[in-house]
Amino acid sequence: MTERSEEPPPDTGVLDALQVYRAAETAMRRRTGAAMGIGENDFLALRLILDNAAAGRRTSAKDVSVYVGVSSASTTALIDRLVRGGYIERRTNEADRRSVDLVPTRAAFGETGPLKIVQDQIAAEAAELSEEEARTVTRFLTKMRRTVDGIAAERHANRPERP
């Protein structure tokens, strides 16, 4: 593995720095998932479930399927792995007893373990930003998320129908 400098050269620009960050984050997710005994798609699904729980939103198997971009059969296997690993539970939705919500367990939030270590290290770096820097970065990343979400939604909407 080659060493990367702390910061990209100033002439590479924001988008190059973002691409380098995304590659590093993907590698970190793979390492963290491996340490937790789950794959990258499982890790993405768990992140969705945790984020939704933190925001007070429910997560269904369909939500996971759409977010991760896998078939319903693959989603079922993914959810089964997260349940077996003790990271999530299936709970009957109280409002609609026919549907099932995916709920993170205490192990998913964990006081220790690979996910907690990653969260703590990233939070420590973010805490070093000034208030103004944090607002700027947050604004930029929010715009990027909206952009990529829109691209994915547009691509999905324009996909030819299958016979």
Protein backbone atom coordinates (compact mmCIF):
# COMPACT_ATOMS: atom_id res chain seq x y z
CA MET A 1 0.00 0.00 0.00
CA THR A 2 1.37 3.41 -0.90
CA GLU A 3 1.39 6.25 1.57
CA ARG A 4 -0.73 9.26 0.79
CA SER A 5 0.15 12.69 2.09
CA GLU A 6 -2.14 14.21 4.69
CA GLU A 7 -3.55 16.73 2.23
CA PRO A 8 -3.76 16.65 -1.56
CA PRO A 9 -1.56 19.15 -3.38
CA PRO A 10 -3.37 22.51 -3.58
CA ASP A 11 -3.69 22.36 -7.36
CA THR A 12 -5.74 19.14 -7.40
CA GLY A 13 -8.96 20.80 -6.29
CA VAL A 14 -11.91 19.88 -4.20
CA LEU A 15 -13.27 17.14 -6.46
CA ASP A 16 -9.93 15.32 -6.58
CA ALA A 17 -9.72 15.51 -2.78
CA LEU A 18 -13.27 14.17 -2.56
CA GLN A 19 -12.42 11.23 -4.85
CA VAL A 20 -9.36 10.38 -2.76
CA TYR A 21 -11.50 10.56 0.40
CA ARG A 22 -14.19 8.32 -1.12
CA ALA A 23 -11.60 5.67 -2.03
CA ALA A 24 -10.14 5.79 1.48
CA GLU A 25 -13.62 5.56 3.02
CA THR A 26 -14.51 2.57 0.86
CA ALA A 27 -11.35 0.79 1.97
CA MET A 28 -12.09 1.67 5.62
CA ARG A 29 -15.64 0.28 5.27
CA ARG A 30 -14.25 -2.98 3.90
CA ARG A 31 -11.75 -3.27 6.76
CA THR A 32 -14.34 -2.39 9.40
CA GLY A 33 -16.90 -4.76 7.89
CA ALA A 34 -14.32 -7.55 7.83
CA ALA A 35 -13.51 -6.90 11.50
CA MET A 36 -17.26 -7.10 12.25
CA GLY A 37 -17.69 -10.24 10.13
CA ILE A 38 -19.95 -8.55 7.56
CA GLY A 39 -19.55 -7.55 3.92
CA GLU A 40 -19.57 -4.09 2.41
CA ASN A 41 -23.27 -4.21 1.43
CA ASP A 42 -24.11 -5.40 4.94
CA PHE A 43 -22.12 -2.48 6.34
CA LEU A 44 -23.96 -0.02 4.06
CA ALA A 45 -27.31 -1.47 5.12
CA LEU A 46 -26.38 -1.26 8.80
CA ARG A 47 -25.31 2.38 8.34
CA LEU A 48 -28.72 3.13 6.73
CA ILE A 49 -30.58 1.42 9.58
CA LEU A 50 -28.53 3.28 12.21
CA ASP A 51 -28.96 6.64 10.46
CA ASN A 52 -32.72 6.13 10.10
CA ALA A 53 -33.04 5.09 13.75
CA ALA A 54 -31.11 8.19 14.84
CA ALA A 55 -33.48 10.36 12.76
CA GLY A 56 -36.58 8.59 14.10
CA ARG A 57 -37.36 6.94 10.74
CA ARG A 58 -38.35 3.34 10.19
CA THR A 59 -36.35 1.06 7.89
CA SER A 60 -37.93 -1.74 5.87
CA ALA A 61 -36.32 -4.46 3.78
CA LYS A 62 -37.42 -2.51 0.68
CA ASP A 63 -35.56 0.58 1.96
CA VAL A 64 -32.41 -1.53 2.29
CA SER A 65 -32.89 -3.09 -1.14
CA VAL A 66 -33.26 0.30 -2.84
CA TYR A 67 -30.40 1.92 -0.91
CA VAL A 68 -27.90 -0.88 -1.41
CA GLY A 69 -29.14 -1.67 -4.93
CA VAL A 70 -29.66 -5.40 -4.61
CA SER A 71 -32.53 -7.79 -5.31
CA SER A 72 -35.11 -8.67 -2.68
CA ALA A 73 -33.59 -12.18 -2.38
CA SER A 74 -30.13 -10.69 -1.76
CA THR A 75 -31.66 -8.24 0.70
CA THR A 76 -33.23 -11.08 2.67
CA ALA A 77 -29.86 -12.86 2.89
CA LEU A 78 -28.16 -9.58 3.89
CA ILE A 79 -30.73 -8.93 6.63
CA ASP A 80 -30.41 -12.53 7.84
CA ARG A 81 -26.63 -12.02 8.23
CA LEU A 82 -27.13 -8.81 10.22
CA VAL A 83 -29.69 -10.54 12.45
CA ARG A 84 -27.36 -13.54 12.99
CA GLY A 85 -24.50 -11.15 13.79
CA GLY A 86 -26.68 -9.54 16.46
CA TYR A 87 -26.63 -6.09 14.78
CA ILE A 88 -30.34 -5.76 13.96
CA GLU A 89 -33.72 -7.24 14.84
CA ARG A 90 -36.86 -7.66 12.80
CA ARG A 91 -39.84 -6.11 14.60
CA THR A 92 -43.45 -6.06 13.58
CA ASN A 93 -44.50 -2.51 12.73
CA GLU A 94 -47.01 -1.45 15.38
CA ALA A 95 -48.97 0.78 12.96
CA ASP A 96 -49.17 -1.84 10.19
CA ARG A 97 -48.87 -5.31 11.65
CA ARG A 98 -48.28 -6.74 8.15
CA SER A 99 -44.93 -4.95 7.76
CA VAL A 100 -41.61 -5.49 9.49
CA ASP A 101 -39.19 -2.80 10.65
CA LEU A 102 -35.44 -3.35 10.86
CA VAL A 103 -34.17 -2.04 14.19
CA PRO A 104 -30.55 -1.76 15.32
CA THR A 105 -29.62 -3.64 18.48
CA ARG A 106 -27.39 -2.42 21.28
CA ALA A 107 -24.54 -4.31 19.61
CA ALA A 108 -24.93 -2.15 16.49
CA PHE A 109 -24.44 0.98 18.57
CA GLY A 110 -21.85 -0.80 20.73
CA GLU A 111 -19.69 0.91 23.30
CA THR A 112 -16.72 -0.97 21.87
CA GLY A 113 -15.86 -2.71 18.66
CA PRO A 114 -14.77 -1.68 15.18
CA LEU A 115 -17.75 0.56 14.34
CA LYS A 116 -17.43 2.54 17.57
CA ILE A 117 -13.68 2.96 17.08
CA VAL A 118 -14.23 4.30 13.55
CA GLN A 119 -16.95 6.69 14.73
CA ASP A 120 -14.78 7.99 17.58
CA GLN A 121 -11.76 8.60 15.35
CA ILE A 122 -13.80 10.41 12.69
CA ALA A 123 -15.63 12.48 15.32
CA ALA A 124 -12.30 13.52 16.85
CA GLU A 125 -11.08 14.83 13.49
CA ALA A 126 -14.36 16.65 12.82
CA ALA A 127 -14.22 18.26 16.27
CA GLU A 128 -11.04 20.07 15.23
CA LEU A 129 -12.92 22.12 12.61
CA SER A 130 -13.89 25.67 13.44
CA GLU A 131 -17.60 26.47 13.43
CA GLU A 132 -17.26 28.19 10.04
CA GLU A 133 -15.26 25.30 8.56
CA ALA A 134 -17.83 22.81 9.84
CA ARG A 135 -20.70 24.79 8.25
CA THR A 136 -18.84 24.99 4.93
CA VAL A 137 -17.97 21.30 4.86
CA THR A 138 -21.50 20.33 5.92
CA ARG A 139 -23.05 22.50 3.22
CA PHE A 140 -20.74 21.03 0.57
CA LEU A 141 -21.28 17.41 1.60
CA THR A 142 -25.06 17.93 1.76
CA LYS A 143 -25.00 19.29 -1.79
CA MET A 144 -22.89 16.34 -2.95
CA ARG A 145 -25.26 13.85 -1.30
CA ARG A 146 -28.28 15.48 -2.93
CA THR A 147 -26.49 15.44 -6.27
CA VAL A 148 -25.55 11.76 -6.15
CA ASP A 149 -28.97 10.79 -4.77
CA GLY A 150 -30.57 12.69 -7.65
CA ILE A 151 -28.32 11.00 -10.20
CA ALA A 152 -29.19 7.57 -8.83
CA ALA A 153 -32.91 8.38 -8.79
CA GLU A 154 -32.78 9.81 -12.32
CA ARG A 155 -30.87 6.80 -13.62
CA HIS A 156 -33.38 4.45 -11.97
CA ALA A 157 -36.36 6.39 -13.36
CA ASN A 158 -34.91 6.35 -16.89
CA ARG A 159 -33.95 2.67 -16.88
CA PRO A 160 -35.70 0.70 -19.66
CA GLU A 161 -38.35 -1.68 -18.47
CA ARG A 162 -37.43 -5.35 -18.44
CA PRO A 163 -39.55 -7.77 -20.43
